[in-house]
Amino acid sequence: MTNNALAHASLTITGEQVSPDFWTSYFDVEPDIALVKGAPIKGPSGKGFVQRRLGVWGVDSESAIHSDLLEPHLRFLIKRLGLPRPGLRALVEQTGAKIRFFCFWVNQTGDRIPDVPDDIRVMMESLGGVIEIDEYK
């Protein structure tokens, strides 16, 4: 099944010392992406391989939520990962990692406004994270 929703989101933790196994165990959730620093990935030309510069662990909403709004995608991730969690910010900071919600947002008409509620913004700030919106026109 192809998801043609105009929005979806992911929560990612990235950094040089990110251990995907640690985060999988911590959240007790199988990730949609889990790569260690140095893992081989296809190069920019699509030919050959380069080493991954950072480790990454992430979970996305794309296959679970079918909505053109961001809020349901973000709420799904919050519930699935049990956010906020006491001590999560310290764990992320101890390893020099970064945590973010990465949001995919299609806005071909130019009149759609991303719906990120204030409580989600405040929660992410409390975790030391950011919310990034990648808008496609």
N, C-alpha and C. Protein backbone atom coordinates (compact mmCIF):
# COMPACT_ATOMS: atom_id res chain seq x y z
N MET A 1 0.85 -1.19 0.00
CA MET A 1 0.00 0.00 0.00
C MET A 1 0.88 1.24 0.00
N THR A 2 0.59 2.18 -0.85
CA THR A 2 1.36 3.42 -0.93
C THR A 2 0.69 4.48 -0.07
N ASN A 3 1.49 5.14 0.72
CA ASN A 3 0.99 6.21 1.58
C ASN A 3 1.16 7.53 0.83
N ASN A 4 0.06 8.16 0.47
CA ASN A 4 0.10 9.43 -0.24
C ASN A 4 -0.22 10.60 0.67
N ALA A 5 -0.09 10.39 1.98
CA ALA A 5 -0.37 11.47 2.92
C ALA A 5 0.58 12.63 2.68
N LEU A 6 0.10 13.81 2.97
CA LEU A 6 0.89 15.02 2.77
C LEU A 6 1.77 15.34 3.97
N ALA A 7 1.79 14.44 4.96
CA ALA A 7 2.60 14.68 6.16
C ALA A 7 2.96 13.34 6.80
N HIS A 8 4.11 13.32 7.41
CA HIS A 8 4.49 12.25 8.34
C HIS A 8 5.67 12.74 9.15
N ALA A 9 6.04 11.99 10.18
CA ALA A 9 7.09 12.45 11.09
C ALA A 9 7.91 11.27 11.59
N SER A 10 9.09 11.60 12.06
CA SER A 10 9.94 10.60 12.70
C SER A 10 10.62 11.23 13.91
N LEU A 11 11.00 10.39 14.85
CA LEU A 11 11.85 10.83 15.94
C LEU A 11 13.19 10.14 15.71
N THR A 12 14.25 10.94 15.66
CA THR A 12 15.58 10.36 15.47
C THR A 12 16.53 10.84 16.55
N ILE A 13 17.45 9.95 16.87
CA ILE A 13 18.57 10.26 17.76
C ILE A 13 19.82 10.00 16.94
N THR A 14 20.66 11.02 16.80
CA THR A 14 21.86 10.90 15.98
C THR A 14 23.08 11.36 16.75
N GLY A 15 24.21 10.78 16.40
CA GLY A 15 25.47 11.20 17.00
C GLY A 15 26.58 10.21 16.75
N GLU A 16 27.79 10.64 17.02
CA GLU A 16 28.95 9.79 16.79
C GLU A 16 28.95 8.55 17.68
N GLN A 17 28.38 8.67 18.88
CA GLN A 17 28.39 7.55 19.82
C GLN A 17 27.04 6.86 19.96
N VAL A 18 26.12 7.11 19.03
CA VAL A 18 24.79 6.51 19.13
C VAL A 18 24.90 5.00 18.93
N SER A 19 24.38 4.27 19.89
CA SER A 19 24.31 2.81 19.82
C SER A 19 22.85 2.43 19.58
N PRO A 20 22.52 2.01 18.35
CA PRO A 20 21.13 1.65 18.07
C PRO A 20 20.59 0.58 19.02
N ASP A 21 21.41 -0.38 19.41
CA ASP A 21 20.94 -1.42 20.33
C ASP A 21 20.52 -0.82 21.67
N PHE A 22 21.28 0.17 22.15
CA PHE A 22 20.93 0.81 23.42
C PHE A 22 19.55 1.46 23.33
N TRP A 23 19.32 2.24 22.26
CA TRP A 23 18.05 2.96 22.14
C TRP A 23 16.88 2.02 21.88
N THR A 24 17.12 0.93 21.17
CA THR A 24 16.06 -0.07 20.97
C THR A 24 15.65 -0.65 22.32
N SER A 25 16.63 -0.96 23.15
CA SER A 25 16.34 -1.50 24.48
C SER A 25 15.69 -0.44 25.37
N TYR A 26 16.20 0.78 25.33
CA TYR A 26 15.68 1.87 26.17
C TYR A 26 14.20 2.12 25.90
N PHE A 27 13.83 2.23 24.63
CA PHE A 27 12.44 2.51 24.28
C PHE A 27 11.59 1.25 24.18
N ASP A 28 12.24 0.08 24.08
CA ASP A 28 11.55 -1.19 23.87
C ASP A 28 10.67 -1.12 22.62
N VAL A 29 11.25 -0.54 21.57
CA VAL A 29 10.57 -0.36 20.28
C VAL A 29 11.57 -0.70 19.18
N GLU A 30 11.12 -1.50 18.21
CA GLU A 30 11.97 -1.79 17.06
C GLU A 30 12.01 -0.54 16.17
N PRO A 31 13.20 -0.10 15.82
CA PRO A 31 13.32 1.12 15.03
C PRO A 31 13.03 0.90 13.55
N ASP A 32 12.72 1.99 12.87
CA ASP A 32 12.59 1.96 11.42
C ASP A 32 13.94 2.19 10.76
N ILE A 33 14.86 2.81 11.49
CA ILE A 33 16.23 2.98 11.02
C ILE A 33 17.15 2.83 12.23
N ALA A 34 18.24 2.12 12.02
CA ALA A 34 19.23 1.92 13.08
C ALA A 34 20.57 1.62 12.41
N LEU A 35 21.45 2.61 12.41
CA LEU A 35 22.75 2.46 11.78
C LEU A 35 23.84 2.98 12.71
N VAL A 36 24.94 2.28 12.76
CA VAL A 36 26.07 2.71 13.57
C VAL A 36 27.01 3.57 12.74
N LYS A 37 27.73 4.44 13.42
CA LYS A 37 28.74 5.25 12.75
C LYS A 37 29.72 4.30 12.07
N GLY A 38 30.08 4.63 10.86
CA GLY A 38 31.03 3.82 10.11
C GLY A 38 30.39 2.75 9.24
N ALA A 39 29.08 2.54 9.39
CA ALA A 39 28.39 1.55 8.56
C ALA A 39 28.47 1.98 7.10
N PRO A 40 28.63 1.02 6.18
CA PRO A 40 28.69 1.39 4.77
C PRO A 40 27.31 1.79 4.24
N ILE A 41 27.27 2.89 3.52
CA ILE A 41 26.04 3.34 2.86
C ILE A 41 26.39 3.73 1.43
N LYS A 42 25.41 3.70 0.55
CA LYS A 42 25.67 4.07 -0.84
C LYS A 42 26.15 5.51 -0.92
N GLY A 43 27.12 5.73 -1.78
CA GLY A 43 27.67 7.06 -1.97
C GLY A 43 26.69 7.97 -2.68
N PRO A 44 27.01 9.27 -2.76
CA PRO A 44 26.11 10.25 -3.36
C PRO A 44 25.74 9.93 -4.81
N SER A 45 26.64 9.29 -5.54
CA SER A 45 26.35 8.98 -6.94
C SER A 45 25.50 7.73 -7.07
N GLY A 46 25.29 7.01 -5.94
CA GLY A 46 24.55 5.76 -5.99
C GLY A 46 25.44 4.58 -6.30
N LYS A 47 26.70 4.88 -6.57
CA LYS A 47 27.67 3.83 -6.87
C LYS A 47 28.71 3.80 -5.75
N GLY A 48 29.14 2.62 -5.40
CA GLY A 48 30.15 2.51 -4.36
C GLY A 48 29.55 2.81 -3.00
N PHE A 49 30.41 2.75 -1.99
CA PHE A 49 29.95 2.96 -0.62
C PHE A 49 30.86 3.94 0.10
N VAL A 50 30.28 4.65 1.03
CA VAL A 50 31.03 5.52 1.95
C VAL A 50 30.66 5.08 3.36
N GLN A 51 31.42 5.55 4.32
CA GLN A 51 31.10 5.22 5.71
C GLN A 51 30.18 6.26 6.29
N ARG A 52 29.18 5.78 7.02
CA ARG A 52 28.22 6.66 7.68
C ARG A 52 28.96 7.52 8.70
N ARG A 53 28.73 8.84 8.66
CA ARG A 53 29.43 9.77 9.56
C ARG A 53 28.90 9.75 10.98
N LEU A 54 27.60 9.46 11.15
CA LEU A 54 26.98 9.46 12.47
C LEU A 54 26.14 8.20 12.64
N GLY A 55 25.95 7.80 13.89
CA GLY A 55 25.00 6.74 14.19
C GLY A 55 23.60 7.35 14.22
N VAL A 56 22.61 6.52 13.92
CA VAL A 56 21.23 7.01 13.94
C VAL A 56 20.29 5.90 14.41
N TRP A 57 19.32 6.30 15.20
CA TRP A 57 18.23 5.43 15.63
C TRP A 57 16.96 6.23 15.43
N GLY A 58 15.95 5.62 14.81
CA GLY A 58 14.73 6.38 14.58
C GLY A 58 13.50 5.54 14.35
N VAL A 59 12.38 6.16 14.65
CA VAL A 59 11.06 5.56 14.49
C VAL A 59 10.21 6.57 13.73
N ASP A 60 9.44 6.07 12.74
CA ASP A 60 8.59 7.01 12.00
C ASP A 60 7.12 6.63 12.08
N SER A 61 6.30 7.54 11.61
CA SER A 61 4.84 7.38 11.68
C SER A 61 4.21 7.04 10.34
N GLU A 62 5.00 7.02 9.29
CA GLU A 62 4.46 6.97 7.94
C GLU A 62 3.52 5.79 7.69
N SER A 63 3.88 4.60 8.12
CA SER A 63 3.02 3.44 7.83
C SER A 63 1.88 3.27 8.83
N ALA A 64 1.97 3.93 9.98
CA ALA A 64 0.95 3.75 11.02
C ALA A 64 -0.16 4.79 10.99
N ILE A 65 0.16 6.00 10.57
CA ILE A 65 -0.80 7.10 10.62
C ILE A 65 -1.02 7.63 9.20
N HIS A 66 -2.27 7.76 8.82
CA HIS A 66 -2.60 8.25 7.48
C HIS A 66 -3.39 9.55 7.65
N SER A 67 -2.64 10.63 7.75
CA SER A 67 -3.25 11.94 7.94
C SER A 67 -2.39 12.98 7.24
N ASP A 68 -3.03 14.00 6.72
CA ASP A 68 -2.31 15.10 6.09
C ASP A 68 -1.88 16.16 7.10
N LEU A 69 -2.19 15.94 8.37
CA LEU A 69 -1.80 16.85 9.44
C LEU A 69 -0.63 16.25 10.22
N LEU A 70 0.21 17.09 10.77
CA LEU A 70 1.35 16.61 11.55
C LEU A 70 0.98 16.14 12.94
N GLU A 71 0.03 16.81 13.57
CA GLU A 71 -0.29 16.50 14.96
C GLU A 71 -0.55 15.01 15.21
N PRO A 72 -1.37 14.32 14.41
CA PRO A 72 -1.59 12.89 14.69
C PRO A 72 -0.30 12.06 14.58
N HIS A 73 0.58 12.44 13.68
CA HIS A 73 1.85 11.74 13.52
C HIS A 73 2.74 11.95 14.76
N LEU A 74 2.81 13.18 15.22
CA LEU A 74 3.63 13.49 16.40
C LEU A 74 3.05 12.83 17.64
N ARG A 75 1.74 12.88 17.81
CA ARG A 75 1.11 12.25 18.98
C ARG A 75 1.34 10.73 18.97
N PHE A 76 1.30 10.11 17.81
CA PHE A 76 1.58 8.69 17.69
C PHE A 76 2.99 8.38 18.20
N LEU A 77 3.97 9.16 17.75
CA LEU A 77 5.36 8.93 18.17
C LEU A 77 5.53 9.16 19.67
N ILE A 78 4.90 10.18 20.19
CA ILE A 78 4.98 10.47 21.63
C ILE A 78 4.43 9.30 22.44
N LYS A 79 3.28 8.80 22.02
CA LYS A 79 2.68 7.67 22.74
C LYS A 79 3.51 6.40 22.58
N ARG A 80 3.93 6.11 21.38
CA ARG A 80 4.69 4.89 21.11
C ARG A 80 6.00 4.85 21.89
N LEU A 81 6.63 6.00 22.06
CA LEU A 81 7.93 6.07 22.73
C LEU A 81 7.83 6.46 24.21
N GLY A 82 6.61 6.71 24.67
CA GLY A 82 6.42 7.06 26.08
C GLY A 82 7.08 8.36 26.47
N LEU A 83 6.96 9.36 25.62
CA LEU A 83 7.58 10.66 25.86
C LEU A 83 6.65 11.58 26.63
N PRO A 84 7.17 12.48 27.42
CA PRO A 84 8.59 12.61 27.77
C PRO A 84 8.99 11.56 28.81
N ARG A 85 10.26 11.30 28.91
CA ARG A 85 10.79 10.32 29.87
C ARG A 85 11.80 11.01 30.77
N PRO A 86 11.70 10.77 32.07
CA PRO A 86 12.69 11.35 32.98
C PRO A 86 14.08 10.85 32.62
N GLY A 87 15.04 11.74 32.57
CA GLY A 87 16.42 11.37 32.32
C GLY A 87 16.79 11.22 30.86
N LEU A 88 15.81 11.31 29.94
CA LEU A 88 16.12 11.16 28.53
C LEU A 88 17.07 12.25 28.04
N ARG A 89 16.81 13.47 28.44
CA ARG A 89 17.68 14.56 27.99
C ARG A 89 19.12 14.31 28.42
N ALA A 90 19.32 13.87 29.67
CA ALA A 90 20.67 13.61 30.18
C ALA A 90 21.33 12.49 29.39
N LEU A 91 20.59 11.43 29.07
CA LEU A 91 21.15 10.32 28.28
C LEU A 91 21.61 10.80 26.90
N VAL A 92 20.79 11.61 26.27
CA VAL A 92 21.14 12.13 24.94
C VAL A 92 22.38 13.01 25.06
N GLU A 93 22.41 13.89 26.05
CA GLU A 93 23.54 14.81 26.21
C GLU A 93 24.83 14.08 26.58
N GLN A 94 24.74 13.03 27.40
CA GLN A 94 25.93 12.29 27.83
C GLN A 94 26.71 11.72 26.65
N THR A 95 26.02 11.37 25.60
CA THR A 95 26.69 10.79 24.44
C THR A 95 26.93 11.81 23.34
N GLY A 96 26.61 13.07 23.59
CA GLY A 96 26.80 14.10 22.57
C GLY A 96 25.84 13.94 21.40
N ALA A 97 24.74 13.25 21.62
CA ALA A 97 23.76 13.00 20.56
C ALA A 97 22.78 14.17 20.44
N LYS A 98 21.96 14.08 19.41
CA LYS A 98 20.89 15.06 19.19
C LYS A 98 19.59 14.29 18.98
N ILE A 99 18.51 14.87 19.48
CA ILE A 99 17.19 14.27 19.32
C ILE A 99 16.31 15.27 18.59
N ARG A 100 15.51 14.74 17.66
CA ARG A 100 14.64 15.65 16.90
C ARG A 100 13.42 14.92 16.39
N PHE A 101 12.36 15.71 16.18
CA PHE A 101 11.25 15.28 15.36
C PHE A 101 11.55 15.83 13.97
N PHE A 102 11.56 14.96 12.99
CA PHE A 102 11.75 15.39 11.61
C PHE A 102 10.43 15.19 10.90
N CYS A 103 9.87 16.28 10.37
CA CYS A 103 8.54 16.26 9.79
C CYS A 103 8.58 16.48 8.28
N PHE A 104 7.91 15.62 7.56
CA PHE A 104 7.74 15.72 6.11
C PHE A 104 6.43 16.44 5.87
N TRP A 105 6.45 17.48 5.05
CA TRP A 105 5.27 18.34 4.89
C TRP A 105 5.16 18.77 3.43
N VAL A 106 4.11 18.30 2.74
CA VAL A 106 3.87 18.70 1.36
C VAL A 106 2.93 19.90 1.36
N ASN A 107 3.33 20.94 0.64
CA ASN A 107 2.56 22.19 0.62
C ASN A 107 2.56 22.76 -0.80
N GLN A 108 2.10 21.96 -1.75
CA GLN A 108 2.12 22.39 -3.15
C GLN A 108 1.24 23.60 -3.39
N THR A 109 0.17 23.73 -2.65
CA THR A 109 -0.74 24.87 -2.85
C THR A 109 -0.23 26.13 -2.16
N GLY A 110 0.69 25.97 -1.22
CA GLY A 110 1.25 27.13 -0.51
C GLY A 110 0.37 27.65 0.60
N ASP A 111 -0.76 27.00 0.87
CA ASP A 111 -1.67 27.51 1.90
C ASP A 111 -1.79 26.60 3.12
N ARG A 112 -0.98 25.56 3.18
CA ARG A 112 -1.02 24.65 4.34
C ARG A 112 -0.02 25.14 5.40
N ILE A 113 -0.48 25.15 6.63
CA ILE A 113 0.36 25.58 7.74
C ILE A 113 0.60 24.37 8.65
N PRO A 114 1.87 24.01 8.89
CA PRO A 114 2.15 22.87 9.76
C PRO A 114 1.55 23.05 11.15
N ASP A 115 0.89 22.01 11.63
CA ASP A 115 0.18 22.06 12.90
C ASP A 115 0.98 21.34 13.99
N VAL A 116 1.92 22.05 14.59
CA VAL A 116 2.68 21.50 15.71
C VAL A 116 2.19 22.22 16.97
N PRO A 117 1.42 21.52 17.79
CA PRO A 117 0.86 22.14 19.00
C PRO A 117 1.96 22.61 19.97
N ASP A 118 1.63 23.65 20.72
CA ASP A 118 2.58 24.22 21.66
C ASP A 118 3.07 23.22 22.70
N ASP A 119 2.18 22.31 23.16
CA ASP A 119 2.61 21.35 24.18
C ASP A 119 3.68 20.41 23.64
N ILE A 120 3.62 20.10 22.37
CA ILE A 120 4.65 19.24 21.76
C ILE A 120 5.95 20.01 21.60
N ARG A 121 5.86 21.28 21.22
CA ARG A 121 7.07 22.12 21.11
C ARG A 121 7.76 22.24 22.47
N VAL A 122 6.98 22.49 23.51
CA VAL A 122 7.52 22.63 24.87
C VAL A 122 8.16 21.32 25.33
N MET A 123 7.49 20.20 25.07
CA MET A 123 8.03 18.90 25.46
C MET A 123 9.37 18.65 24.77
N MET A 124 9.44 18.92 23.48
CA MET A 124 10.68 18.67 22.76
C MET A 124 11.80 19.59 23.25
N GLU A 125 11.48 20.83 23.54
CA GLU A 125 12.47 21.74 24.11
C GLU A 125 12.97 21.22 25.46
N SER A 126 12.07 20.66 26.27
CA SER A 126 12.46 20.14 27.58
C SER A 126 13.42 18.95 27.45
N LEU A 127 13.35 18.25 26.31
CA LEU A 127 14.24 17.13 26.06
C LEU A 127 15.54 17.58 25.39
N GLY A 128 15.65 18.89 25.14
CA GLY A 128 16.84 19.41 24.47
C GLY A 128 16.81 19.18 22.97
N GLY A 129 15.64 18.83 22.45
CA GLY A 129 15.51 18.51 21.04
C GLY A 129 14.90 19.63 20.22
N VAL A 130 14.78 19.34 18.94
CA VAL A 130 14.21 20.31 18.01
C VAL A 130 13.14 19.63 17.17
N ILE A 131 12.34 20.46 16.53
CA ILE A 131 11.35 20.00 15.56
C ILE A 131 11.73 20.64 14.23
N GLU A 132 12.04 19.80 13.26
CA GLU A 132 12.40 20.29 11.93
C GLU A 132 11.30 19.91 10.95
N ILE A 133 10.94 20.86 10.10
CA ILE A 133 9.91 20.60 9.09
C ILE A 133 10.54 20.75 7.72
N ASP A 134 10.50 19.67 6.94
CA ASP A 134 11.03 19.65 5.59
C ASP A 134 9.83 19.85 4.66
N GLU A 135 9.70 21.06 4.16
CA GLU A 135 8.52 21.42 3.35
C GLU A 135 8.80 21.26 1.87
N TYR A 136 7.87 20.60 1.19
CA TYR A 136 7.97 20.39 -0.25
C TYR A 136 6.86 21.16 -0.93
N LYS A 137 7.24 21.97 -1.93
CA LYS A 137 6.26 22.76 -2.67
C LYS A 137 6.16 22.26 -4.08
